[in-house]
N, C-alpha and C. Protein backbone atom coordinates (compact mmCIF):
# COMPACT_ATOMS: atom_id res chain seq x y z
N MET A 1 -8.88 -13.60 -5.18
CA MET A 1 -9.46 -12.37 -5.65
C MET A 1 -9.81 -11.39 -4.41
N ASN A 2 -9.80 -10.05 -4.80
CA ASN A 2 -10.07 -8.78 -3.76
C ASN A 2 -11.45 -8.46 -4.19
N ILE A 3 -12.49 -8.83 -3.49
CA ILE A 3 -13.78 -8.25 -4.09
C ILE A 3 -14.10 -6.94 -3.96
N THR A 4 -13.41 -6.06 -2.79
CA THR A 4 -13.74 -4.59 -2.90
C THR A 4 -13.10 -4.14 -4.24
N LEU A 5 -11.83 -4.57 -4.64
CA LEU A 5 -11.17 -3.97 -5.81
C LEU A 5 -12.08 -4.25 -7.18
N ALA A 6 -12.48 -5.64 -7.03
CA ALA A 6 -13.52 -5.79 -8.43
C ALA A 6 -14.60 -5.21 -8.32
N ILE A 7 -15.36 -4.70 -7.15
CA ILE A 7 -16.37 -3.82 -7.35
C ILE A 7 -16.15 -2.68 -7.45
N MET A 8 -14.89 -2.13 -7.05
CA MET A 8 -14.51 -0.82 -7.50
C MET A 8 -14.09 -0.48 -8.66
N TYR A 9 -13.72 -1.64 -9.55
CA TYR A 9 -13.49 -1.56 -10.96
C TYR A 9 -14.96 -1.79 -11.81
N LEU A 10 -16.02 -2.28 -11.26
CA LEU A 10 -17.34 -2.34 -12.03
C LEU A 10 -17.76 -1.19 -11.87
N TYR A 11 -17.69 -0.58 -10.46
CA TYR A 11 -18.55 0.69 -10.17
C TYR A 11 -17.58 1.68 -9.35
N PRO A 12 -17.03 2.65 -10.37
CA PRO A 12 -15.96 3.27 -9.65
C PRO A 12 -16.54 4.38 -8.80
N ASP A 13 -17.62 4.66 -9.09
CA ASP A 13 -18.42 5.85 -8.28
C ASP A 13 -18.86 5.20 -6.78
N ALA A 14 -18.94 3.97 -6.78
CA ALA A 14 -19.56 3.51 -5.58
C ALA A 14 -18.56 3.53 -4.20
N GLU A 15 -19.20 3.87 -3.47
CA GLU A 15 -18.33 4.22 -1.85
C GLU A 15 -18.55 2.95 -0.91
N PRO A 16 -17.49 2.39 -0.74
CA PRO A 16 -17.56 1.32 0.01
C PRO A 16 -17.97 1.77 1.47
N MET A 17 -18.53 1.01 2.36
CA MET A 17 -19.24 1.02 3.48
C MET A 17 -20.55 1.91 3.56
N ARG A 18 -20.73 2.47 2.38
CA ARG A 18 -22.07 3.16 2.32
C ARG A 18 -22.90 2.44 1.22
N ASP A 19 -22.38 2.17 -0.11
CA ASP A 19 -23.27 1.64 -0.87
C ASP A 19 -22.91 -0.02 -1.14
N TYR A 20 -22.03 -0.42 -0.25
CA TYR A 20 -21.67 -1.89 -0.13
C TYR A 20 -20.67 -2.26 1.03
N MET A 21 -20.71 -3.39 1.44
CA MET A 21 -19.86 -3.77 2.56
C MET A 21 -19.42 -5.16 1.98
N VAL A 22 -17.96 -5.29 2.12
CA VAL A 22 -17.37 -6.61 2.29
C VAL A 22 -17.02 -7.00 3.35
N GLN A 23 -17.21 -8.35 3.75
CA GLN A 23 -16.90 -8.79 5.09
C GLN A 23 -15.96 -10.05 4.97
N ASP A 24 -15.12 -10.39 5.83
CA ASP A 24 -14.60 -11.82 6.04
C ASP A 24 -14.70 -12.01 7.60
N ASN A 25 -15.49 -13.02 7.96
CA ASN A 25 -15.64 -13.69 9.20
C ASN A 25 -14.40 -14.30 9.96
N GLY A 26 -13.62 -14.92 8.99
CA GLY A 26 -12.59 -15.67 9.18
C GLY A 26 -13.04 -17.10 9.42
N PRO A 27 -12.33 -18.06 10.45
CA PRO A 27 -13.02 -19.43 10.39
C PRO A 27 -14.09 -19.37 11.68
N GLU A 28 -15.17 -19.96 11.16
CA GLU A 28 -16.50 -19.85 11.80
C GLU A 28 -16.59 -21.50 12.36
N GLN A 29 -17.35 -21.52 13.76
CA GLN A 29 -17.80 -22.63 13.88
C GLN A 29 -19.18 -23.03 13.39
N VAL A 30 -19.42 -24.37 12.78
CA VAL A 30 -20.82 -24.57 12.23
C VAL A 30 -21.31 -25.93 12.84
N LEU A 31 -22.45 -25.70 13.78
CA LEU A 31 -22.69 -27.01 14.46
C LEU A 31 -23.08 -28.11 13.53
N LEU A 32 -23.09 -29.32 13.77
CA LEU A 32 -23.73 -30.35 13.28
C LEU A 32 -25.06 -30.77 13.99
N SER A 33 -25.78 -31.64 13.20
CA SER A 33 -27.14 -32.18 13.93
C SER A 33 -26.90 -32.92 15.34
N GLY A 34 -27.87 -32.33 15.85
CA GLY A 34 -27.72 -32.88 17.40
C GLY A 34 -26.87 -31.97 18.55
N ALA A 35 -26.20 -31.25 17.79
CA ALA A 35 -25.09 -30.82 18.81
C ALA A 35 -25.34 -29.57 19.56
N GLU A 36 -26.43 -29.07 19.09
CA GLU A 36 -27.18 -28.03 19.85
C GLU A 36 -27.63 -28.30 21.11
N GLU A 37 -28.13 -29.32 21.45
CA GLU A 37 -28.70 -29.61 22.89
C GLU A 37 -27.59 -29.91 23.60
N LYS A 38 -26.37 -30.65 23.15
CA LYS A 38 -25.30 -30.86 23.96
C LYS A 38 -24.27 -29.79 24.27
N GLY A 39 -24.46 -28.81 23.62
CA GLY A 39 -23.68 -27.80 24.08
C GLY A 39 -24.30 -26.43 24.62
N ARG A 40 -25.58 -26.54 24.80
CA ARG A 40 -26.33 -25.40 25.17
C ARG A 40 -26.20 -25.21 26.62
N VAL A 41 -26.01 -23.86 26.87
CA VAL A 41 -25.56 -23.41 28.26
C VAL A 41 -26.59 -22.08 28.70
N CYS A 42 -27.12 -21.98 29.64
CA CYS A 42 -28.00 -20.99 30.14
C CYS A 42 -26.99 -19.85 30.78
N TYR A 43 -26.80 -18.67 30.43
CA TYR A 43 -26.17 -17.67 31.05
C TYR A 43 -27.00 -16.78 31.88
N GLU A 44 -26.79 -16.30 33.06
CA GLU A 44 -27.58 -15.55 33.74
C GLU A 44 -27.19 -14.12 33.28
N ILE A 45 -28.08 -13.24 32.96
CA ILE A 45 -27.99 -11.87 32.64
C ILE A 45 -28.06 -10.87 33.70
N LYS A 46 -29.34 -10.86 34.26
CA LYS A 46 -29.74 -10.29 35.46
C LYS A 46 -30.45 -10.77 36.48
N PRO A 47 -30.11 -10.90 37.94
CA PRO A 47 -30.81 -11.81 38.77
C PRO A 47 -32.24 -11.39 38.87
N VAL A 48 -33.05 -12.67 39.16
CA VAL A 48 -34.54 -12.29 39.16
C VAL A 48 -34.79 -11.79 40.60
N GLU A 49 -35.70 -10.73 40.52
CA GLU A 49 -36.06 -10.16 42.04
C GLU A 49 -37.19 -10.87 42.40
N GLU A 50 -37.55 -10.50 43.75
CA GLU A 50 -38.84 -11.39 44.44
C GLU A 50 -40.06 -10.75 43.66
N GLY A 51 -40.78 -11.80 43.44
CA GLY A 51 -41.98 -11.74 42.70
C GLY A 51 -42.19 -11.43 41.31
N GLU A 52 -40.96 -11.68 40.78
CA GLU A 52 -40.63 -11.34 39.12
C GLU A 52 -40.50 -12.90 38.50
N GLU A 53 -40.78 -12.96 37.36
CA GLU A 53 -40.77 -14.15 36.62
C GLU A 53 -39.62 -14.10 35.59
N ALA A 54 -38.81 -15.14 35.56
CA ALA A 54 -37.48 -14.90 34.67
C ALA A 54 -38.09 -14.90 33.17
N ILE A 55 -37.64 -13.96 32.49
CA ILE A 55 -37.79 -13.75 31.23
C ILE A 55 -36.58 -13.82 30.28
N GLU A 56 -36.65 -14.78 29.38
CA GLU A 56 -35.51 -14.96 28.54
C GLU A 56 -35.06 -13.85 27.64
N GLY A 57 -33.82 -13.09 27.53
CA GLY A 57 -33.28 -12.12 26.87
C GLY A 57 -33.19 -11.22 28.11
N VAL A 58 -33.90 -10.85 29.24
CA VAL A 58 -33.79 -9.84 30.31
C VAL A 58 -33.03 -10.67 31.52
N HIS A 59 -33.51 -11.74 31.72
CA HIS A 59 -32.66 -12.52 33.08
C HIS A 59 -31.82 -13.44 32.48
N TYR A 60 -31.93 -14.13 31.40
CA TYR A 60 -31.09 -15.06 31.17
C TYR A 60 -31.13 -15.17 29.55
N ARG A 61 -29.88 -15.79 29.00
CA ARG A 61 -30.01 -15.93 27.44
C ARG A 61 -29.44 -17.66 27.43
N TYR A 62 -29.36 -18.34 26.38
CA TYR A 62 -28.80 -19.45 25.96
C TYR A 62 -27.93 -18.93 24.79
N GLY A 63 -26.65 -20.15 25.04
CA GLY A 63 -25.41 -19.99 24.08
C GLY A 63 -25.13 -21.04 24.21
N ILE A 64 -24.08 -21.23 22.77
CA ILE A 64 -23.47 -22.43 22.92
C ILE A 64 -21.95 -22.79 23.41
N ASP A 65 -21.81 -23.44 24.39
CA ASP A 65 -20.12 -23.35 24.90
C ASP A 65 -19.46 -24.72 24.14
N TYR A 66 -18.65 -24.25 23.09
CA TYR A 66 -17.99 -25.03 22.37
C TYR A 66 -16.68 -25.82 23.17
N ASN A 67 -16.44 -25.68 24.61
CA ASN A 67 -15.83 -26.39 25.21
C ASN A 67 -16.27 -27.75 25.68
N LEU A 68 -17.69 -27.62 25.68
CA LEU A 68 -18.17 -28.99 26.04
C LEU A 68 -18.59 -29.71 24.77
N LEU A 69 -18.11 -29.32 23.47
CA LEU A 69 -18.33 -29.99 22.39
C LEU A 69 -16.76 -30.48 21.66
N VAL A 70 -17.00 -31.51 20.59
CA VAL A 70 -15.85 -32.21 20.13
C VAL A 70 -15.93 -31.57 18.78
N GLU A 71 -14.68 -31.34 18.07
CA GLU A 71 -14.42 -30.78 16.98
C GLU A 71 -14.78 -31.76 16.17
N SER A 72 -15.11 -31.78 14.96
CA SER A 72 -15.45 -32.82 13.96
C SER A 72 -16.63 -33.66 14.18
N VAL A 73 -16.89 -33.86 15.50
CA VAL A 73 -18.20 -34.71 16.03
C VAL A 73 -19.27 -33.86 16.04
N ASP A 74 -19.26 -32.74 16.98
CA ASP A 74 -20.23 -31.90 17.11
C ASP A 74 -20.54 -30.62 16.17
N TYR A 75 -19.16 -30.34 15.71
CA TYR A 75 -19.17 -29.05 14.93
C TYR A 75 -17.74 -29.25 14.21
N ASP A 76 -17.95 -28.00 13.03
CA ASP A 76 -16.82 -28.01 12.07
C ASP A 76 -16.21 -26.77 12.03
N ILE A 77 -15.15 -26.43 11.77
CA ILE A 77 -14.49 -25.23 11.64
C ILE A 77 -14.51 -24.75 10.08
N ILE A 78 -15.18 -23.73 9.49
CA ILE A 78 -15.52 -23.50 8.14
C ILE A 78 -14.92 -22.04 7.84
N GLU A 79 -14.12 -21.85 6.86
CA GLU A 79 -13.59 -20.47 6.57
C GLU A 79 -14.45 -20.25 5.17
N ARG A 80 -15.41 -19.16 5.34
CA ARG A 80 -16.25 -18.90 4.22
C ARG A 80 -15.62 -17.92 3.25
N GLY A 81 -14.53 -17.16 3.58
CA GLY A 81 -14.10 -16.24 2.75
C GLY A 81 -14.71 -14.84 2.65
N PRO A 82 -14.08 -14.01 2.00
CA PRO A 82 -14.76 -12.72 1.97
C PRO A 82 -15.94 -12.82 1.12
N TYR A 83 -17.14 -12.05 1.61
CA TYR A 83 -18.29 -12.17 0.72
C TYR A 83 -18.77 -10.65 0.81
N ILE A 84 -19.79 -10.34 0.25
CA ILE A 84 -20.50 -9.24 -0.03
C ILE A 84 -21.61 -9.28 1.05
N ALA A 85 -21.42 -8.26 2.22
CA ALA A 85 -22.38 -8.35 3.42
C ALA A 85 -23.74 -7.56 3.18
N ALA A 86 -23.56 -6.34 2.38
CA ALA A 86 -24.59 -5.49 2.25
C ALA A 86 -24.40 -4.91 1.15
N TRP A 87 -25.41 -4.56 0.39
CA TRP A 87 -25.54 -4.12 -1.20
C TRP A 87 -26.60 -3.10 -1.34
N ASN A 88 -26.28 -1.89 -1.31
CA ASN A 88 -27.17 -0.68 -1.30
C ASN A 88 -27.20 0.01 -2.77
N LEU A 89 -26.65 -0.58 -3.89
CA LEU A 89 -26.71 -0.03 -4.81
C LEU A 89 -27.79 -0.30 -5.65
N ASP A 90 -28.37 0.45 -6.72
CA ASP A 90 -29.59 0.40 -7.45
C ASP A 90 -29.30 -0.66 -8.54
N VAL A 91 -28.17 -1.15 -8.82
CA VAL A 91 -27.87 -2.15 -9.84
C VAL A 91 -27.90 -3.66 -9.06
N PRO A 92 -28.29 -4.68 -9.76
CA PRO A 92 -28.11 -6.07 -9.39
C PRO A 92 -26.63 -6.26 -8.77
N GLN A 93 -26.63 -7.00 -7.59
CA GLN A 93 -25.30 -7.41 -7.22
C GLN A 93 -24.58 -8.40 -7.96
N PRO A 94 -23.28 -8.05 -8.07
CA PRO A 94 -22.68 -9.08 -9.27
C PRO A 94 -22.54 -10.37 -8.66
N THR A 95 -22.48 -11.61 -9.90
CA THR A 95 -22.16 -12.85 -9.36
C THR A 95 -20.74 -13.10 -9.27
N GLU A 96 -20.68 -14.34 -8.83
CA GLU A 96 -19.21 -14.44 -8.60
C GLU A 96 -18.41 -14.59 -10.00
N ALA A 97 -19.06 -15.09 -10.99
CA ALA A 97 -18.23 -14.78 -12.32
C ALA A 97 -17.83 -13.53 -12.65
N GLU A 98 -18.81 -12.63 -12.58
CA GLU A 98 -18.89 -11.26 -12.87
C GLU A 98 -17.76 -10.52 -12.08
N LEU A 99 -17.66 -10.83 -10.76
CA LEU A 99 -16.67 -10.37 -9.89
C LEU A 99 -15.11 -10.96 -10.35
N GLU A 100 -15.12 -12.18 -10.59
CA GLU A 100 -13.97 -12.79 -11.21
C GLU A 100 -13.30 -12.17 -12.40
N ALA A 101 -14.29 -11.96 -13.23
CA ALA A 101 -13.90 -11.27 -14.54
C ALA A 101 -13.43 -9.84 -14.41
N ALA A 102 -14.28 -9.05 -13.49
CA ALA A 102 -13.70 -7.85 -13.01
C ALA A 102 -12.39 -7.71 -12.38
N TRP A 103 -12.19 -8.74 -11.58
CA TRP A 103 -10.85 -8.99 -10.95
C TRP A 103 -9.71 -9.14 -11.91
N GLN A 104 -9.72 -9.94 -12.86
CA GLN A 104 -8.92 -10.20 -13.98
C GLN A 104 -8.63 -8.74 -14.66
N ALA A 105 -9.63 -8.27 -14.89
CA ALA A 105 -9.84 -6.92 -15.83
C ALA A 105 -9.08 -5.74 -14.92
N HIS A 106 -9.31 -5.72 -13.75
CA HIS A 106 -8.41 -4.94 -12.75
C HIS A 106 -6.85 -5.10 -12.95
N LEU A 107 -6.73 -6.50 -12.65
CA LEU A 107 -5.23 -6.88 -12.71
C LEU A 107 -4.73 -6.46 -14.09
N GLU A 108 -5.33 -6.42 -15.06
CA GLU A 108 -4.49 -6.12 -16.47
C GLU A 108 -4.39 -4.77 -16.55
N ALA A 109 -5.21 -4.07 -15.89
CA ALA A 109 -5.27 -2.60 -16.18
C ALA A 109 -4.03 -1.96 -15.26
N GLU A 110 -3.88 -2.72 -13.96
CA GLU A 110 -2.75 -2.58 -13.23
C GLU A 110 -1.51 -2.67 -13.64
N ALA A 111 -1.60 -3.82 -14.62
CA ALA A 111 -0.36 -4.16 -15.03
C ALA A 111 0.31 -3.31 -16.48
N LYS A 112 -0.81 -2.68 -17.00
CA LYS A 112 -0.61 -1.66 -18.00
C LYS A 112 -0.30 -0.29 -17.67
N LYS A 113 -0.41 -0.02 -16.23
CA LYS A 113 -0.16 1.29 -16.00
C LYS A 113 1.63 1.32 -15.75
N PRO A 114 1.68 2.71 -16.19
CA PRO A 114 3.16 2.68 -15.90
C PRO A 114 3.69 2.93 -14.65
N PRO A 115 4.80 2.38 -14.35
CA PRO A 115 5.30 2.49 -12.57
C PRO A 115 5.42 3.76 -12.25
N GLU A 116 4.84 4.20 -11.02
CA GLU A 116 4.98 5.10 -10.43
C GLU A 116 6.46 5.87 -10.20
N LEU A 117 6.87 6.89 -10.47
CA LEU A 117 8.22 7.34 -10.12
C LEU A 117 8.51 7.81 -9.08
N SER A 118 9.49 7.74 -8.27
CA SER A 118 9.86 8.39 -6.78
C SER A 118 10.05 9.71 -6.93
N GLU A 119 9.95 10.50 -5.86
CA GLU A 119 10.01 11.85 -5.91
C GLU A 119 11.23 12.40 -6.63
N VAL A 120 12.33 11.67 -6.26
CA VAL A 120 13.76 12.03 -6.97
C VAL A 120 13.59 11.92 -8.54
N GLU A 121 13.08 10.62 -9.09
CA GLU A 121 12.90 10.45 -10.54
C GLU A 121 11.96 11.43 -11.05
N GLN A 122 10.80 12.04 -10.32
CA GLN A 122 9.82 12.83 -10.96
C GLN A 122 10.56 14.34 -10.90
N LEU A 123 11.62 14.66 -10.17
CA LEU A 123 12.33 15.90 -10.03
C LEU A 123 13.23 15.91 -11.35
N ARG A 124 14.08 14.92 -11.56
CA ARG A 124 14.99 14.70 -12.72
C ARG A 124 14.10 14.77 -13.98
N VAL A 125 12.80 14.16 -14.01
CA VAL A 125 12.15 14.36 -15.26
C VAL A 125 11.67 15.78 -15.69
N GLU A 126 11.31 16.52 -14.41
CA GLU A 126 10.83 17.74 -14.51
C GLU A 126 12.39 18.66 -15.03
N ASN A 127 13.32 18.42 -14.42
CA ASN A 127 14.54 18.97 -14.54
C ASN A 127 14.80 19.01 -15.98
N THR A 128 14.58 17.86 -16.50
CA THR A 128 14.93 17.43 -17.95
C THR A 128 14.09 18.51 -18.88
N ALA A 129 12.82 18.42 -18.62
CA ALA A 129 12.00 19.10 -19.35
C ALA A 129 12.31 20.41 -19.17
N LEU A 130 12.53 21.15 -18.07
CA LEU A 130 12.77 22.64 -17.98
C LEU A 130 14.20 22.98 -18.81
N GLN A 131 15.06 22.10 -18.69
CA GLN A 131 16.29 22.30 -19.48
C GLN A 131 15.87 22.44 -21.08
N ASN A 132 15.19 21.47 -21.45
CA ASN A 132 14.70 21.37 -22.84
C ASN A 132 14.00 22.60 -23.32
N ARG A 133 13.09 23.09 -22.49
CA ARG A 133 12.55 24.24 -22.76
C ARG A 133 13.60 25.52 -22.79
N LEU A 134 14.17 25.42 -21.76
CA LEU A 134 15.39 26.64 -21.79
C LEU A 134 16.06 26.71 -22.89
N GLN A 135 16.66 25.49 -23.40
CA GLN A 135 17.33 25.49 -24.79
C GLN A 135 16.61 26.01 -25.83
N ASP A 136 15.45 25.89 -25.89
CA ASP A 136 14.33 26.30 -26.93
C ASP A 136 14.06 27.62 -26.84
N VAL A 137 14.06 28.19 -25.59
CA VAL A 137 13.92 29.87 -25.35
C VAL A 137 15.35 30.48 -25.90
N GLU A 138 16.48 29.60 -25.60
CA GLU A 138 17.89 30.25 -26.00
C GLU A 138 17.79 30.26 -27.46
N VAL A 139 17.30 29.18 -28.19
CA VAL A 139 17.52 29.37 -29.62
C VAL A 139 16.89 30.53 -30.22
N ILE A 140 15.33 30.74 -29.70
CA ILE A 140 14.52 31.90 -30.05
C ILE A 140 15.15 33.09 -29.93
N MET A 141 15.66 33.48 -28.64
CA MET A 141 16.37 34.47 -28.35
C MET A 141 17.62 34.89 -29.16
N ALA A 142 18.40 33.92 -29.82
CA ALA A 142 19.48 33.74 -30.66
C ALA A 142 18.86 34.18 -32.08
N GLU A 143 17.86 33.64 -32.41
CA GLU A 143 17.24 34.04 -33.78
C GLU A 143 16.69 35.39 -33.68
N LEU A 144 16.21 35.76 -32.57
CA LEU A 144 15.64 37.20 -32.54
C LEU A 144 16.69 38.37 -32.42
N LEU A 145 17.92 37.86 -31.78
CA LEU A 145 18.93 38.79 -32.01
C LEU A 145 19.90 38.83 -33.21
N SER A 146 20.28 37.94 -33.93
CA SER A 146 20.48 37.83 -35.19
C SER A 146 19.74 38.47 -36.31
N ILE A 147 18.30 38.69 -36.05
CA ILE A 147 17.57 39.68 -36.99
C ILE A 147 17.89 41.27 -36.89
């Protein structure tokens, strides 16, 4: 399901990136219990100067080094898929079922649309229409001349 197209089907006047934002982070690592302390590493940001006390976030920060951890033992890789990251419309955010129904309706509407003609085909259709109009004009002129 394409969440963006489903939302556009439900709310055609909504503007992506302003009224809502759909995001897909791809595969993400999720720590299992007890693994945070095992993989915790202190990274230096800025050296501490003389007479200064080290402050977290200014001089150092903590992070997780996944190279110290074992997949499936300490962490799992989970793909969440696309989701609505921001919703700024004045209507309630649609549920998964509403989005799925809108996606199916969008697919049905797209299937009912006539196929778009190529430029050559469009020109042929216009040419045929003009020839038909020319024949109509010729018939009218012949009738006027015969009077």
